[in-house]
Amino acid sequence: MTPDLRAHRTSPYWVRRNGAPDPAIDRVAPQLMAEFDGELSAALVAHIVRGARSDLGRDVPPEALPEFTHRLARQRLIDRQPA
């Protein structure tokens, strides 16, 4: 993990609204931050990942949450990129 991502990991972007760590967010956010580095801000990526995770709610089994969160957030980030 790069120093920038390590520092960012301690920010509020890494926790759910209730303050508890979320493994789906912890796995997905660093991957997508690296993928979209230089194109979208880390804060925006974290926001989109949290939103995707929240939108999936309880409709997805816990063991599948990281994969589904990644897919949904990645598509939303692609849609946000400038043409």
Protein backbone atom coordinates (compact mmCIF):
# COMPACT_ATOMS: atom_id res chain seq x y z
CA MET A 1 0.00 0.00 0.00
CA THR A 2 1.41 3.38 -0.94
CA PRO A 3 2.03 6.01 1.77
CA ASP A 4 -0.82 8.12 0.36
CA LEU A 5 -3.28 5.24 0.74
CA ARG A 6 -1.97 4.41 4.23
CA ALA A 7 -2.59 7.97 5.35
CA HIS A 8 -5.98 8.04 3.69
CA ARG A 9 -6.97 4.79 5.42
CA THR A 10 -7.14 6.59 8.76
CA SER A 11 -9.62 9.13 7.44
CA PRO A 12 -13.39 8.97 7.95
CA TYR A 13 -13.81 7.64 4.41
CA TRP A 14 -12.88 4.19 5.68
CA VAL A 15 -15.71 3.73 8.16
CA ARG A 16 -19.41 3.21 7.84
CA ARG A 17 -21.83 5.77 9.14
CA ASN A 18 -22.18 3.90 12.43
CA GLY A 19 -18.41 4.08 12.87
CA ALA A 20 -17.73 0.35 12.48
CA PRO A 21 -15.10 -0.79 9.98
CA ASP A 22 -16.55 -2.45 6.89
CA PRO A 23 -14.49 -5.24 5.28
CA ALA A 24 -16.15 -4.67 1.89
CA ILE A 25 -15.03 -1.04 1.90
CA ASP A 26 -11.59 -1.89 3.27
CA ARG A 27 -10.95 -4.31 0.40
CA VAL A 28 -12.51 -2.35 -2.44
CA ALA A 29 -11.56 1.28 -1.81
CA PRO A 30 -7.75 0.86 -2.05
CA GLN A 31 -8.07 -1.16 -5.26
CA LEU A 32 -10.27 1.42 -6.92
CA MET A 33 -8.22 4.35 -5.60
CA ALA A 34 -5.17 2.81 -7.27
CA GLU A 35 -7.06 2.10 -10.49
CA PHE A 36 -8.47 5.63 -10.78
CA ASP A 37 -5.42 7.45 -9.38
CA GLY A 38 -4.83 10.64 -11.32
CA GLU A 39 -8.33 10.53 -12.82
CA LEU A 40 -10.61 10.83 -9.79
CA SER A 41 -9.84 11.98 -6.25
CA ALA A 42 -9.41 9.46 -3.45
CA ALA A 43 -12.22 11.20 -1.57
CA LEU A 44 -14.60 10.75 -4.50
CA VAL A 45 -13.64 7.10 -4.92
CA ALA A 46 -14.22 6.46 -1.21
CA HIS A 47 -17.57 8.24 -1.38
CA ILE A 48 -18.68 6.15 -4.37
CA VAL A 49 -17.51 2.91 -2.70
CA ARG A 50 -19.44 3.74 0.47
CA GLY A 51 -22.52 4.59 -1.58
CA ALA A 52 -22.31 1.35 -3.53
CA ARG A 53 -21.92 -0.64 -0.32
CA SER A 54 -24.86 1.16 1.24
CA ASP A 55 -27.06 0.64 -1.82
CA LEU A 56 -26.40 -3.09 -1.74
CA GLY A 57 -27.61 -3.16 1.84
CA ARG A 58 -28.71 -6.56 3.02
CA ASP A 59 -29.62 -7.85 -0.44
CA VAL A 60 -26.22 -9.47 -0.92
CA PRO A 61 -24.75 -12.26 1.23
CA PRO A 62 -21.89 -10.97 3.41
CA GLU A 63 -19.28 -13.17 1.69
CA ALA A 64 -20.20 -11.65 -1.70
CA LEU A 65 -20.26 -8.00 -0.56
CA PRO A 66 -16.67 -7.13 -1.54
CA GLU A 67 -17.13 -8.41 -5.10
CA PHE A 68 -20.53 -6.81 -5.61
CA THR A 69 -19.38 -3.55 -4.02
CA HIS A 70 -16.33 -3.52 -6.32
CA ARG A 71 -18.40 -4.11 -9.45
CA LEU A 72 -21.03 -1.51 -8.63
CA ALA A 73 -18.56 1.14 -7.47
CA ARG A 74 -16.23 0.57 -10.44
CA GLN A 75 -19.07 1.06 -12.90
CA ARG A 76 -20.17 4.23 -11.16
CA LEU A 77 -16.61 5.55 -11.24
CA ILE A 78 -16.29 4.76 -14.94
CA ASP A 79 -19.53 6.66 -15.51
CA ARG A 80 -18.05 9.66 -13.62
CA GLN A 81 -14.91 9.89 -15.74
CA PRO A 82 -14.70 12.76 -18.21
CA ALA A 83 -15.42 11.72 -21.78
